Amino acid sequence: MEMINHHSQSQWVVENVLGMIGGHGDSSYALNSLSVQIKMIRVVIPILEGAIYEKMRVKLNGAGIFSIADFGCGTGGNTLLVADTIVRAVKCSLGEGEEPEFEVYFADLPFNDFNSLLRTMPRTQQAYADAEHDGDTNPVATGSYVAAAVCGSHFSRLFPRKSLHFCHSSLSLHWLSKVPETVRERRSPRVYVSSDCEEAVGTGYLHQFNTDFTRFLNARAEETVDGGCVFISLVGRNGGTHVMEEQGTLGVIARHFEYAFQELVNEGFIEKEKWESFNLPWFGPNPEELESIVKRQGAFRLESVRVLGEFPLHPMTEMRRGEEEAFGRCVGNHYRALLENIVEAHLGCESLTDEFFLRIGKRAAAKFEEYLSNQIELAVVLLVKN
């Protein structure tokens, strides 16, 4: 195939392109999140409920309204399951005679498929009741709250001062607002932090995460009532790990990306410069890094931070000989649901993006034993507003 040469790189803005794939197709986030993400959410839910029962100490406003915001909400049944869990737990934690009305704000960037999310919500109390029996693959909310979509970056203010009682963010805050400037200026086949990179690369990513996470906390500090909670889960690293030595899940995905770029270069689809100018806009912190940022920002009390492990990175955790191609398609669709918009913004056209994720799937099929062993480390943080 003749090389497709695009010189437009790649000065894409993360906020303008970041977003999980909408709809309900094979590569949609709604479908793919029912494999890996749902397993993590079901482990985190008891921790989330415990946080509400044990740490939630807020006074309702005069109107008797309890306000919840889900930052980086995404789309699909998982989003509604979390909202439902929070509402149920808050109801159980309140004293007798306290019967607030609930409002849940689903907040995310412009590319998020808010239409699919809101259409997923049953419209009547009977529909909610019927859906209770649909099983784990179709979790829904209870119908006991008013829902609204809010479009914007969670690194800035989105709500009025002291209007939120509970803030939630799942699998979102490891995404950065931008690739660090010091990293964008280099040219390297490494698309993320690696042990063979210059230390300035790791320092640049850590600095950008510090900046972004602090901005998130600053915004929530203004929006959250005193005693309100912020519950966060994000892809992270184990405690005590140095940024240049281990990057866990995100580093594993980066290596898979580098292989796909190399294949496109070798086969003449793109120039090497296109590969070497790509960098992934994410960072997985360890508990010490998170604790340091929270203490320095100062508006929240850190109640707990832990890392949960042994979650499978890829959709199929077991497979037999002969299922390699199916496994490869699952991996390709899963990565595509998360990263298609960013890859297409960089490569400049849909056909190259198709070829890129085809290479991801082919390698996963060929190296399935290696891929099956890949796991996710999840950092879980509970904050209480001072």
Foldseek 3Di string as FASTA:
>chain_A
DAADEDPPDDPDFCLVQFAFADDDDLLACQPLCLFQVLVVLVVCLVVVLVCLQPQQDDDDDPQQEAEEEEEQQAAHQSSQQVVQSNVVSNVVNDDPPRDGQYEYEYEYAPVGPVVRRVVLADDDQVVLVVCVPVDDSRHHHRPRHHYYYFHDHLLAAGAAFAAHQEYEYEAPLQFFSDQFPVQLVDFDLQQAAELPDDVVRLVRLLVRSLSSVLSNVVNVLRRHHASGKYKYKHFADEPPDDSNHDQAPVNVVRVLLSQLLVVCCVVNHYPSRLSRSHHGRGGHYYPVSVVVSCVVSPFKDWPDKDKDKDRQPFRDLDDDPPCLLVRLSRQLSHVCSRCLSSVCNSVVDDVVSVSSSNSSSVVCSVPVVVNSPGMTMMMITMIGGD
